[in-house]
């Protein structure tokens, strides 16, 4: 229907229908006004690392190389959380580290032993894990899951560590990392163990 004819129809219908027509017109106006809140880009539902900060302001230490970012605060379950990431890349290697922390309320769901899907979907690691393939679980022990993957001419490793337990079978933080290096063979586990041994999370 042509926009002018459509508007005339609504106006005539409103006048003939009295109070019901006015109600309909008000409801339609509210719907059109609020539509942008319901139809939001998918990125708004993820962790967005658009705010670069000093690496001294992230809630973990132990790795001196790279730049750091903080995400927006996000509500989840019955609480609120925030994430930070530290990343570095050069012509032959790259890594990204991320931590998701509870700010208030309940904690995060525990990362499962088969952490491949969790690591693939972790926004803090996307700069390293995007476009990768040949994923497989390597090891799971003491709350830490290790996986390997490949990307172009690079072999890669990633980990996810569950933090202290919180109420409701959840954890207060999750630490994760992914690293890749140009190599003809799989990376030694000592490469990822360096991060696990070096990083200290500040509660």
N, C-alpha and C. Protein backbone atom coordinates (compact mmCIF):
# COMPACT_ATOMS: atom_id res chain seq x y z
N UNK A 1 0.85 -1.19 0.00
CA UNK A 1 0.00 0.00 0.00
C UNK A 1 0.88 1.24 0.00
N UNK A 2 0.50 2.25 -0.77
CA UNK A 2 1.26 3.49 -0.85
C UNK A 2 1.27 4.16 0.54
N UNK A 3 2.44 4.74 0.96
CA UNK A 3 2.53 5.33 2.30
C UNK A 3 1.47 6.38 2.58
N UNK A 4 1.13 7.26 1.57
CA UNK A 4 0.14 8.30 1.80
C UNK A 4 -1.23 7.70 2.01
N UNK A 5 -1.60 6.72 1.15
CA UNK A 5 -2.88 6.07 1.29
C UNK A 5 -2.97 5.32 2.62
N UNK A 6 -1.83 4.70 3.02
CA UNK A 6 -1.80 3.95 4.28
C UNK A 6 -2.05 4.87 5.46
N UNK A 7 -1.39 6.05 5.47
CA UNK A 7 -1.56 6.99 6.57
C UNK A 7 -3.00 7.52 6.63
N UNK A 8 -3.60 7.79 5.44
CA UNK A 8 -4.99 8.26 5.39
C UNK A 8 -5.94 7.21 5.94
N UNK A 9 -5.65 5.94 5.60
CA UNK A 9 -6.50 4.84 6.07
C UNK A 9 -6.47 4.75 7.59
N UNK A 10 -5.25 4.87 8.18
CA UNK A 10 -5.11 4.79 9.63
C UNK A 10 -5.84 5.94 10.30
N UNK A 11 -5.72 7.16 9.71
CA UNK A 11 -6.37 8.33 10.28
C UNK A 11 -7.89 8.20 10.25
N UNK A 12 -8.44 7.75 9.09
CA UNK A 12 -9.89 7.58 8.96
C UNK A 12 -10.38 6.49 9.91
N UNK A 13 -9.61 5.36 9.97
CA UNK A 13 -10.01 4.24 10.84
C UNK A 13 -10.00 4.67 12.30
N UNK A 14 -9.00 5.51 12.65
CA UNK A 14 -8.89 5.99 14.03
C UNK A 14 -10.10 6.84 14.42
N UNK A 15 -10.52 7.74 13.50
CA UNK A 15 -11.65 8.61 13.78
C UNK A 15 -12.95 7.82 13.93
N UNK A 16 -13.13 6.80 13.09
CA UNK A 16 -14.37 6.02 13.11
C UNK A 16 -14.42 5.09 14.32
N UNK A 17 -13.21 4.65 14.77
CA UNK A 17 -13.19 3.64 15.83
C UNK A 17 -13.17 4.24 17.23
N UNK A 18 -13.07 5.55 17.34
CA UNK A 18 -13.10 6.19 18.65
C UNK A 18 -11.91 5.81 19.51
N UNK A 19 -12.19 5.47 20.77
CA UNK A 19 -11.14 5.15 21.72
C UNK A 19 -10.27 3.99 21.31
N UNK A 20 -10.89 2.96 20.69
CA UNK A 20 -10.13 1.79 20.26
C UNK A 20 -9.11 2.18 19.20
N UNK A 21 -9.52 3.07 18.30
CA UNK A 21 -8.59 3.51 17.26
C UNK A 21 -7.42 4.28 17.83
N UNK A 22 -7.66 5.12 18.81
CA UNK A 22 -6.59 5.88 19.45
C UNK A 22 -5.62 4.94 20.15
N UNK A 23 -6.18 3.92 20.82
CA UNK A 23 -5.34 2.92 21.49
C UNK A 23 -4.44 2.22 20.49
N UNK A 24 -5.03 1.84 19.34
CA UNK A 24 -4.26 1.16 18.30
C UNK A 24 -3.14 2.04 17.79
N UNK A 25 -3.43 3.33 17.58
CA UNK A 25 -2.44 4.25 17.05
C UNK A 25 -1.30 4.46 18.04
N UNK A 26 -1.63 4.57 19.32
CA UNK A 26 -0.59 4.74 20.35
C UNK A 26 0.28 3.50 20.44
N UNK A 27 -0.36 2.32 20.39
CA UNK A 27 0.39 1.06 20.46
C UNK A 27 1.33 0.92 19.27
N UNK A 28 0.84 1.30 18.07
CA UNK A 28 1.67 1.21 16.87
C UNK A 28 2.86 2.15 16.96
N UNK A 29 2.63 3.35 17.49
CA UNK A 29 3.72 4.32 17.65
C UNK A 29 4.78 3.81 18.61
N UNK A 30 4.35 3.22 19.73
CA UNK A 30 5.30 2.67 20.70
C UNK A 30 6.09 1.53 20.11
N UNK A 31 5.44 0.68 19.32
CA UNK A 31 6.11 -0.46 18.71
C UNK A 31 7.20 0.00 17.76
N UNK A 32 6.89 1.00 16.92
CA UNK A 32 7.87 1.51 15.97
C UNK A 32 9.02 2.21 16.69
N UNK A 33 8.71 2.86 17.82
CA UNK A 33 9.74 3.56 18.58
C UNK A 33 10.69 2.60 19.26
N UNK A 34 10.15 1.47 19.76
CA UNK A 34 10.96 0.52 20.53
C UNK A 34 11.60 -0.55 19.66
N UNK A 35 11.24 -0.62 18.38
CA UNK A 35 11.76 -1.68 17.51
C UNK A 35 13.27 -1.78 17.53
N UNK A 36 14.02 -0.65 17.48
CA UNK A 36 15.49 -0.76 17.48
C UNK A 36 16.05 -1.47 18.70
N UNK A 37 15.29 -1.43 19.84
CA UNK A 37 15.78 -2.12 21.04
C UNK A 37 15.65 -3.63 20.92
N UNK A 38 14.68 -4.08 20.12
CA UNK A 38 14.48 -5.52 19.97
C UNK A 38 15.28 -6.08 18.81
N UNK A 39 15.52 -5.25 17.79
CA UNK A 39 16.27 -5.72 16.63
C UNK A 39 17.67 -5.15 16.74
N UNK A 40 18.52 -5.78 17.55
CA UNK A 40 19.86 -5.29 17.76
C UNK A 40 20.85 -6.16 17.01
N UNK A 41 22.02 -5.61 16.61
CA UNK A 41 23.03 -6.41 15.95
C UNK A 41 23.50 -7.54 16.85
N UNK A 42 23.90 -8.66 16.24
CA UNK A 42 24.33 -9.81 17.03
C UNK A 42 25.52 -9.46 17.91
N UNK A 43 26.39 -8.53 17.44
CA UNK A 43 27.59 -8.18 18.21
C UNK A 43 27.25 -7.63 19.57
N UNK A 44 26.08 -7.03 19.70
CA UNK A 44 25.70 -6.45 20.99
C UNK A 44 25.48 -7.52 22.05
N UNK A 45 25.32 -8.77 21.63
CA UNK A 45 25.11 -9.86 22.57
C UNK A 45 26.41 -10.51 23.01
N UNK A 46 27.54 -10.06 22.45
CA UNK A 46 28.83 -10.65 22.79
C UNK A 46 29.66 -9.73 23.67
N UNK A 47 30.88 -10.18 23.95
CA UNK A 47 31.83 -9.37 24.71
C UNK A 47 32.59 -8.52 23.71
N UNK A 48 32.50 -7.21 23.83
CA UNK A 48 33.13 -6.30 22.88
C UNK A 48 34.36 -5.66 23.52
N UNK A 49 35.52 -5.90 22.89
CA UNK A 49 36.78 -5.38 23.43
C UNK A 49 37.22 -4.16 22.61
N UNK A 50 36.49 -3.08 22.75
CA UNK A 50 36.76 -1.87 21.97
C UNK A 50 37.49 -0.81 22.78
N UNK A 51 37.64 -1.03 24.08
CA UNK A 51 38.24 -0.03 24.96
C UNK A 51 39.64 -0.49 25.38
N UNK A 52 40.67 0.09 24.75
CA UNK A 52 42.05 -0.29 25.10
C UNK A 52 42.45 0.37 26.41
N UNK A 53 43.13 -0.39 27.26
CA UNK A 53 43.55 0.10 28.57
C UNK A 53 45.00 -0.29 28.81
N UNK A 54 45.57 0.24 29.88
CA UNK A 54 46.91 -0.16 30.28
C UNK A 54 46.87 -1.59 30.81
N UNK A 55 47.89 -2.37 30.49
CA UNK A 55 47.91 -3.76 30.94
C UNK A 55 48.09 -3.87 32.45
N UNK A 56 48.42 -2.76 33.10
CA UNK A 56 48.49 -2.79 34.57
C UNK A 56 47.10 -2.76 35.19
N UNK A 57 46.09 -2.49 34.37
CA UNK A 57 44.72 -2.38 34.89
C UNK A 57 43.89 -3.65 34.68
N UNK A 58 44.47 -4.69 34.10
CA UNK A 58 43.73 -5.94 33.92
C UNK A 58 43.90 -6.78 35.19
N UNK A 59 42.93 -7.65 35.49
CA UNK A 59 42.97 -8.40 36.77
C UNK A 59 43.87 -9.64 36.78
N UNK A 60 44.88 -9.65 35.93
CA UNK A 60 45.89 -10.71 36.04
C UNK A 60 47.24 -10.14 35.60
N UNK A 61 48.29 -10.78 36.02
CA UNK A 61 49.64 -10.32 35.70
C UNK A 61 50.52 -11.52 35.39
N UNK A 62 51.73 -11.24 34.89
CA UNK A 62 52.67 -12.32 34.62
C UNK A 62 53.16 -12.36 33.18
N UNK A 63 52.45 -11.67 32.27
CA UNK A 63 52.85 -11.62 30.86
C UNK A 63 53.04 -10.16 30.49
N UNK A 64 54.24 -9.79 30.09
CA UNK A 64 54.56 -8.38 29.87
C UNK A 64 54.33 -7.91 28.44
N UNK A 65 54.24 -8.84 27.50
CA UNK A 65 54.14 -8.46 26.08
C UNK A 65 52.69 -8.27 25.67
N UNK A 66 52.45 -7.31 24.75
CA UNK A 66 51.13 -7.16 24.17
C UNK A 66 50.37 -5.93 24.63
N UNK A 67 49.16 -5.78 24.08
CA UNK A 67 48.25 -4.70 24.44
C UNK A 67 47.03 -5.30 25.13
N UNK A 68 46.29 -4.42 25.84
CA UNK A 68 45.17 -4.92 26.64
C UNK A 68 43.89 -4.13 26.39
N UNK A 69 42.77 -4.81 26.58
CA UNK A 69 41.44 -4.22 26.38
C UNK A 69 40.49 -4.70 27.48
N UNK A 70 39.43 -3.91 27.69
CA UNK A 70 38.38 -4.31 28.63
C UNK A 70 37.06 -4.29 27.89
N UNK A 71 36.17 -5.20 28.25
CA UNK A 71 34.86 -5.28 27.62
C UNK A 71 33.84 -4.42 28.37
N UNK A 72 32.64 -4.38 27.84
CA UNK A 72 31.52 -3.77 28.55
C UNK A 72 31.10 -4.68 29.70
N UNK A 73 30.38 -4.13 30.66
CA UNK A 73 29.79 -4.95 31.72
C UNK A 73 28.55 -5.63 31.17
N UNK A 74 28.38 -6.94 31.46
CA UNK A 74 27.25 -7.68 30.91
C UNK A 74 26.48 -8.42 31.99
N UNK A 75 25.15 -8.30 31.98
CA UNK A 75 24.33 -9.07 32.92
C UNK A 75 24.22 -10.51 32.44
N UNK A 76 24.15 -11.45 33.36
CA UNK A 76 23.96 -12.85 33.02
C UNK A 76 23.38 -13.55 34.25
N UNK A 77 22.57 -14.58 33.99
CA UNK A 77 21.92 -15.30 35.09
C UNK A 77 21.38 -14.31 36.11
N UNK A 78 21.92 -14.38 37.33
CA UNK A 78 21.50 -13.47 38.40
C UNK A 78 22.65 -12.57 38.83
N UNK A 79 23.54 -12.24 37.89
CA UNK A 79 24.69 -11.42 38.24
C UNK A 79 25.14 -10.54 37.10
N UNK A 80 26.38 -10.09 37.21
CA UNK A 80 26.96 -9.22 36.20
C UNK A 80 28.44 -9.54 36.08
N UNK A 81 28.96 -9.50 34.86
CA UNK A 81 30.35 -9.84 34.65
C UNK A 81 31.04 -8.88 33.70
N UNK A 82 32.36 -9.02 33.63
CA UNK A 82 33.16 -8.22 32.71
C UNK A 82 34.36 -9.04 32.29
N UNK A 83 34.94 -8.69 31.14
CA UNK A 83 36.07 -9.46 30.62
C UNK A 83 37.21 -8.54 30.22
N UNK A 84 38.42 -9.07 30.28
CA UNK A 84 39.62 -8.34 29.88
C UNK A 84 40.44 -9.25 28.99
N UNK A 85 41.19 -8.67 28.07
CA UNK A 85 42.06 -9.50 27.24
C UNK A 85 43.40 -8.82 26.99
N UNK A 86 44.41 -9.65 26.78
CA UNK A 86 45.75 -9.20 26.45
C UNK A 86 46.18 -9.96 25.20
N UNK A 87 46.69 -9.27 24.20
CA UNK A 87 47.02 -9.93 22.94
C UNK A 87 48.30 -9.38 22.34
N UNK A 88 48.95 -10.25 21.54
CA UNK A 88 50.20 -9.87 20.87
C UNK A 88 50.31 -10.66 19.58
N UNK A 89 50.93 -10.07 18.56
CA UNK A 89 51.17 -10.81 17.31
C UNK A 89 52.38 -10.22 16.59
N UNK A 90 53.10 -11.08 15.89
CA UNK A 90 54.17 -10.65 15.00
C UNK A 90 54.12 -11.53 13.76
N UNK A 91 55.14 -11.54 12.96
CA UNK A 91 55.11 -12.25 11.68
C UNK A 91 55.11 -13.76 11.81
N UNK A 92 55.49 -14.28 12.98
CA UNK A 92 55.59 -15.74 13.13
C UNK A 92 54.78 -16.30 14.29
N UNK A 93 54.24 -15.45 15.14
CA UNK A 93 53.51 -15.97 16.31
C UNK A 93 52.44 -14.99 16.76
N UNK A 94 51.53 -15.48 17.58
CA UNK A 94 50.46 -14.65 18.13
C UNK A 94 49.88 -15.34 19.37
N UNK A 95 49.37 -14.54 20.28
CA UNK A 95 48.65 -15.11 21.40
C UNK A 95 47.58 -14.14 21.86
N UNK A 96 46.59 -14.67 22.53
CA UNK A 96 45.54 -13.87 23.15
C UNK A 96 45.16 -14.52 24.46
N UNK A 97 45.08 -13.72 25.50
CA UNK A 97 44.68 -14.18 26.83
C UNK A 97 43.42 -13.44 27.24
N UNK A 98 42.53 -14.12 27.90
CA UNK A 98 41.31 -13.46 28.34
C UNK A 98 40.86 -13.97 29.69
N UNK A 99 40.25 -13.08 30.46
CA UNK A 99 39.68 -13.49 31.73
C UNK A 99 38.27 -12.92 31.84
N UNK A 100 37.34 -13.77 32.24
CA UNK A 100 35.95 -13.39 32.46
C UNK A 100 35.71 -13.44 33.96
N UNK A 101 35.31 -12.31 34.55
CA UNK A 101 35.16 -12.24 36.00
C UNK A 101 33.76 -11.81 36.40
N UNK A 102 33.30 -12.38 37.51
CA UNK A 102 32.02 -11.98 38.09
C UNK A 102 32.20 -10.70 38.88
N UNK A 103 31.34 -9.72 38.63
CA UNK A 103 31.38 -8.47 39.38
C UNK A 103 30.43 -8.51 40.56
N UNK A 104 29.30 -9.18 40.37
CA UNK A 104 28.33 -9.34 41.46
C UNK A 104 27.41 -10.50 41.12
N UNK A 105 26.78 -11.05 42.16
CA UNK A 105 25.82 -12.12 41.94
C UNK A 105 26.48 -13.47 41.69
N UNK A 106 25.76 -14.33 41.00
CA UNK A 106 26.22 -15.70 40.76
C UNK A 106 27.38 -15.72 39.78
N UNK A 107 28.08 -16.87 39.73
CA UNK A 107 29.25 -16.99 38.87
C UNK A 107 28.94 -17.50 37.48
N UNK A 108 30.00 -17.79 36.73
CA UNK A 108 29.88 -18.32 35.37
C UNK A 108 29.71 -19.84 35.40
N UNK A 109 29.11 -20.37 34.36
CA UNK A 109 29.02 -21.82 34.22
C UNK A 109 30.40 -22.42 34.03
N UNK A 110 30.62 -23.57 34.60
CA UNK A 110 31.93 -24.22 34.54
C UNK A 110 32.25 -24.64 33.10
N UNK A 111 33.48 -24.36 32.67
CA UNK A 111 33.92 -24.80 31.34
C UNK A 111 34.04 -26.32 31.36
N UNK A 112 33.39 -27.02 30.42
CA UNK A 112 33.44 -28.49 30.41
C UNK A 112 34.82 -29.02 30.04
N UNK A 113 35.04 -30.29 30.32
CA UNK A 113 36.33 -30.91 30.00
C UNK A 113 36.62 -30.84 28.50
N UNK A 114 35.59 -31.11 27.69
CA UNK A 114 35.74 -30.94 26.25
C UNK A 114 35.47 -29.46 25.94
N UNK A 115 36.53 -28.66 26.03
CA UNK A 115 36.38 -27.21 25.98
C UNK A 115 36.44 -26.62 24.58
N UNK A 116 36.43 -27.45 23.56
CA UNK A 116 36.61 -26.94 22.20
C UNK A 116 35.56 -25.89 21.84
N UNK A 117 34.29 -26.21 22.04
CA UNK A 117 33.24 -25.26 21.67
C UNK A 117 33.33 -23.98 22.48
N UNK A 118 33.65 -24.12 23.77
CA UNK A 118 33.76 -22.93 24.61
C UNK A 118 34.88 -22.04 24.11
N UNK A 119 36.04 -22.61 23.81
CA UNK A 119 37.19 -21.83 23.33
C UNK A 119 36.90 -21.22 21.97
N UNK A 120 36.24 -21.96 21.10
CA UNK A 120 35.90 -21.43 19.78
C UNK A 120 34.99 -20.20 19.88
N UNK A 121 34.12 -20.18 20.87
CA UNK A 121 33.16 -19.08 21.00
C UNK A 121 33.63 -17.96 21.92
N UNK A 122 34.78 -18.12 22.56
CA UNK A 122 35.29 -17.11 23.49
C UNK A 122 35.74 -15.86 22.72
N UNK A 123 35.04 -14.75 22.90
CA UNK A 123 35.35 -13.52 22.17
C UNK A 123 36.76 -13.02 22.44
N UNK A 124 37.27 -13.24 23.63
CA UNK A 124 38.61 -12.76 23.99
C UNK A 124 39.71 -13.45 23.19
N UNK A 125 39.40 -14.61 22.60
CA UNK A 125 40.41 -15.38 21.88
C UNK A 125 40.22 -15.35 20.37
N UNK A 126 39.18 -14.67 19.90
CA UNK A 126 38.82 -14.73 18.48
C UNK A 126 39.93 -14.28 17.54
N UNK A 127 40.76 -13.33 17.94
CA UNK A 127 41.82 -12.87 17.05
C UNK A 127 42.80 -13.99 16.71
N UNK A 128 42.88 -14.99 17.57
CA UNK A 128 43.78 -16.12 17.33
C UNK A 128 43.03 -17.34 16.79
N UNK A 129 41.84 -17.60 17.30
CA UNK A 129 41.14 -18.85 16.94
C UNK A 129 40.30 -18.75 15.67
N UNK A 130 39.99 -17.55 15.22
CA UNK A 130 39.14 -17.40 14.03
C UNK A 130 39.80 -18.03 12.81
N UNK A 131 39.02 -18.84 12.08
CA UNK A 131 39.51 -19.48 10.86
C UNK A 131 40.32 -20.74 11.09
N UNK A 132 40.39 -21.22 12.32
CA UNK A 132 41.19 -22.41 12.62
C UNK A 132 40.42 -23.69 12.34
N UNK A 133 41.15 -24.81 12.24
CA UNK A 133 40.52 -26.11 12.04
C UNK A 133 41.35 -27.19 12.73
N UNK A 134 40.97 -28.45 12.50
CA UNK A 134 41.65 -29.61 13.11
C UNK A 134 41.74 -29.49 14.64
N UNK A 135 40.60 -29.17 15.24
CA UNK A 135 40.54 -29.04 16.70
C UNK A 135 40.53 -30.41 17.37
N UNK A 136 41.22 -30.54 18.49
CA UNK A 136 41.13 -31.76 19.28
C UNK A 136 41.51 -31.50 20.73
N UNK A 137 40.91 -32.28 21.61
CA UNK A 137 41.21 -32.17 23.04
C UNK A 137 42.52 -32.88 23.33
N UNK A 138 43.38 -32.23 24.09
CA UNK A 138 44.66 -32.83 24.44
C UNK A 138 44.64 -33.41 25.84
N UNK A 139 44.19 -32.60 26.79
CA UNK A 139 44.32 -32.99 28.20
C UNK A 139 43.36 -32.18 29.05
N UNK A 140 42.85 -32.80 30.08
CA UNK A 140 42.04 -32.09 31.07
C UNK A 140 42.44 -32.56 32.46
N UNK A 141 42.79 -31.60 33.32
CA UNK A 141 43.18 -31.97 34.68
C UNK A 141 43.14 -30.73 35.57
N UNK A 142 42.76 -30.94 36.81
CA UNK A 142 42.78 -29.88 37.83
C UNK A 142 42.11 -28.60 37.36
N UNK A 143 40.96 -28.73 36.74
CA UNK A 143 40.21 -27.55 36.32
C UNK A 143 40.73 -26.86 35.08
N UNK A 144 41.70 -27.47 34.38
CA UNK A 144 42.28 -26.88 33.17
C UNK A 144 42.04 -27.81 31.98
N UNK A 145 41.55 -27.24 30.89
CA UNK A 145 41.35 -28.01 29.65
C UNK A 145 42.28 -27.49 28.58
N UNK A 146 42.98 -28.40 27.90
CA UNK A 146 43.90 -28.02 26.84
C UNK A 146 43.42 -28.58 25.51
N UNK A 147 43.49 -27.78 24.46
CA UNK A 147 43.12 -28.23 23.12
C UNK A 147 44.17 -27.76 22.13
N UNK A 148 44.23 -28.44 20.99
CA UNK A 148 45.14 -28.02 19.93
C UNK A 148 44.32 -27.73 18.68
N UNK A 149 44.86 -26.90 17.79
CA UNK A 149 44.21 -26.60 16.53
C UNK A 149 45.27 -26.08 15.56
N UNK A 150 44.89 -25.89 14.31
CA UNK A 150 45.81 -25.42 13.28
C UNK A 150 45.19 -24.26 12.51
N UNK A 151 46.05 -23.40 12.00
CA UNK A 151 45.59 -22.26 11.22
C UNK A 151 46.65 -21.92 10.19
N UNK A 152 46.33 -22.17 8.92
CA UNK A 152 47.28 -21.93 7.82
C UNK A 152 48.58 -22.69 8.11
N UNK A 153 49.71 -21.98 8.17
CA UNK A 153 50.99 -22.65 8.41
C UNK A 153 51.37 -22.66 9.89
N UNK A 154 50.38 -22.46 10.75
CA UNK A 154 50.65 -22.36 12.18
C UNK A 154 50.03 -23.50 12.98
N UNK A 155 50.78 -23.99 13.94
CA UNK A 155 50.24 -24.93 14.93
C UNK A 155 49.89 -24.13 16.17
N UNK A 156 48.84 -24.56 16.86
CA UNK A 156 48.31 -23.75 17.95
C UNK A 156 47.90 -24.60 19.16
N UNK A 157 47.86 -23.94 20.31
CA UNK A 157 47.37 -24.52 21.54
C UNK A 157 46.44 -23.53 22.23
N UNK A 158 45.51 -24.03 23.00
CA UNK A 158 44.62 -23.16 23.77
C UNK A 158 44.27 -23.84 25.08
N UNK A 159 43.90 -23.03 26.07
CA UNK A 159 43.52 -23.58 27.38
C UNK A 159 42.36 -22.79 27.95
N UNK A 160 41.67 -23.40 28.87
CA UNK A 160 40.63 -22.75 29.67
C UNK A 160 40.75 -23.26 31.10
N UNK A 161 40.83 -22.33 32.05
CA UNK A 161 40.98 -22.70 33.45
C UNK A 161 39.81 -22.15 34.25
N UNK A 162 39.14 -23.02 34.98
CA UNK A 162 38.06 -22.61 35.87
C UNK A 162 38.64 -22.03 37.15
N UNK A 163 38.08 -20.91 37.58
CA UNK A 163 38.52 -20.28 38.82
C UNK A 163 37.86 -20.91 40.03
N UNK A 164 37.92 -20.25 41.17
CA UNK A 164 37.33 -20.77 42.41
C UNK A 164 35.83 -20.98 42.26
N UNK A 165 35.31 -21.97 42.96
CA UNK A 165 33.89 -22.27 42.90
C UNK A 165 33.08 -21.15 43.55
N UNK A 166 31.90 -20.91 42.97
CA UNK A 166 30.96 -19.91 43.48
C UNK A 166 29.63 -20.61 43.71
N UNK A 167 28.68 -19.94 44.36
CA UNK A 167 27.37 -20.58 44.61
C UNK A 167 26.69 -21.03 43.32
N UNK A 168 25.91 -22.10 43.43
CA UNK A 168 25.14 -22.58 42.28
C UNK A 168 25.97 -23.35 41.27
N UNK A 169 26.99 -24.09 41.73
CA UNK A 169 27.83 -24.88 40.85
C UNK A 169 28.40 -24.02 39.72
N UNK A 170 28.98 -22.88 40.08
CA UNK A 170 29.55 -21.96 39.11
C UNK A 170 30.94 -21.55 39.58
N UNK A 171 31.63 -20.74 38.78
CA UNK A 171 32.97 -20.28 39.14
C UNK A 171 33.01 -18.75 39.08
N UNK A 172 33.87 -18.14 39.89
CA UNK A 172 33.93 -16.69 39.98
C UNK A 172 34.70 -16.06 38.83
N UNK A 173 35.56 -16.83 38.18
CA UNK A 173 36.23 -16.34 36.98
C UNK A 173 36.68 -17.51 36.11
N UNK A 174 36.92 -17.19 34.84
CA UNK A 174 37.44 -18.17 33.88
C UNK A 174 38.60 -17.52 33.15
N UNK A 175 39.75 -18.16 33.16
CA UNK A 175 40.94 -17.69 32.46
C UNK A 175 41.15 -18.56 31.23
N UNK A 176 41.42 -17.93 30.09
CA UNK A 176 41.60 -18.69 28.85
C UNK A 176 42.72 -18.07 28.02
N UNK A 177 43.30 -18.86 27.16
CA UNK A 177 44.36 -18.35 26.29
C UNK A 177 44.51 -19.20 25.04
N UNK A 178 45.03 -18.59 24.00
CA UNK A 178 45.29 -19.30 22.75
C UNK A 178 46.57 -18.74 22.14
N UNK A 179 47.42 -19.60 21.62
CA UNK A 179 48.66 -19.16 21.00
C UNK A 179 48.95 -19.97 19.76
N UNK A 180 49.53 -19.34 18.77
CA UNK A 180 49.90 -20.00 17.52
C UNK A 180 51.31 -19.58 17.14
N UNK A 181 52.01 -20.48 16.45
CA UNK A 181 53.35 -20.16 15.97
C UNK A 181 53.60 -20.90 14.66
N UNK A 182 54.30 -20.26 13.75
CA UNK A 182 54.67 -20.92 12.49
C UNK A 182 55.55 -22.11 12.84
N UNK A 183 55.08 -23.30 12.47
CA UNK A 183 55.80 -24.52 12.83
C UNK A 183 55.34 -25.67 11.94
N UNK A 184 56.26 -26.57 11.64
CA UNK A 184 55.93 -27.76 10.85
C UNK A 184 55.44 -28.90 11.72
N UNK A 185 55.62 -28.76 13.01
CA UNK A 185 55.19 -29.81 13.95
C UNK A 185 54.34 -29.20 15.06
N UNK A 186 53.66 -30.06 15.80
CA UNK A 186 52.80 -29.59 16.90
C UNK A 186 53.63 -28.87 17.95
N UNK A 187 53.03 -27.86 18.57
CA UNK A 187 53.74 -27.11 19.61
C UNK A 187 53.86 -27.95 20.87
N UNK A 188 54.97 -27.83 21.58
CA UNK A 188 55.11 -28.56 22.85
C UNK A 188 54.18 -27.97 23.91
N UNK A 189 53.70 -28.80 24.80
CA UNK A 189 52.80 -28.33 25.85
C UNK A 189 53.46 -27.32 26.78
N UNK A 190 54.79 -27.31 26.80
CA UNK A 190 55.49 -26.34 27.64
C UNK A 190 55.19 -24.90 27.21
N UNK A 191 54.80 -24.72 25.94
CA UNK A 191 54.47 -23.37 25.47
C UNK A 191 53.25 -22.81 26.20
N UNK A 192 52.21 -23.63 26.34
CA UNK A 192 51.01 -23.17 27.04
C UNK A 192 51.21 -23.24 28.55
N UNK A 193 52.06 -24.17 29.00
CA UNK A 193 52.32 -24.28 30.43
C UNK A 193 53.01 -23.02 30.95
N UNK A 194 53.77 -22.36 30.09
CA UNK A 194 54.42 -21.10 30.49
C UNK A 194 53.38 -20.09 30.95
N UNK A 195 52.30 -19.96 30.18
CA UNK A 195 51.25 -19.02 30.57
C UNK A 195 50.56 -19.44 31.86
N UNK A 196 50.26 -20.74 31.96
CA UNK A 196 49.58 -21.25 33.15
C UNK A 196 50.41 -21.04 34.41
N UNK A 197 51.73 -21.18 34.28
CA UNK A 197 52.61 -21.00 35.44
C UNK A 197 52.88 -19.53 35.75
N UNK A 198 52.85 -18.69 34.73
CA UNK A 198 53.23 -17.29 34.91
C UNK A 198 52.09 -16.38 35.37
N UNK A 199 50.87 -16.69 34.91
CA UNK A 199 49.75 -15.78 35.17
C UNK A 199 49.24 -15.89 36.61
N UNK A 200 49.10 -14.75 37.23
CA UNK A 200 48.54 -14.67 38.57
C UNK A 200 47.26 -13.84 38.48
N UNK A 201 46.13 -14.43 38.89
CA UNK A 201 44.86 -13.73 38.84
C UNK A 201 44.64 -13.00 40.16
N UNK A 202 44.27 -11.72 40.04
CA UNK A 202 44.00 -10.93 41.24
C UNK A 202 42.49 -10.99 41.55
N UNK A 203 42.14 -11.57 42.67
CA UNK A 203 40.73 -11.70 43.07
C UNK A 203 40.18 -10.37 43.58
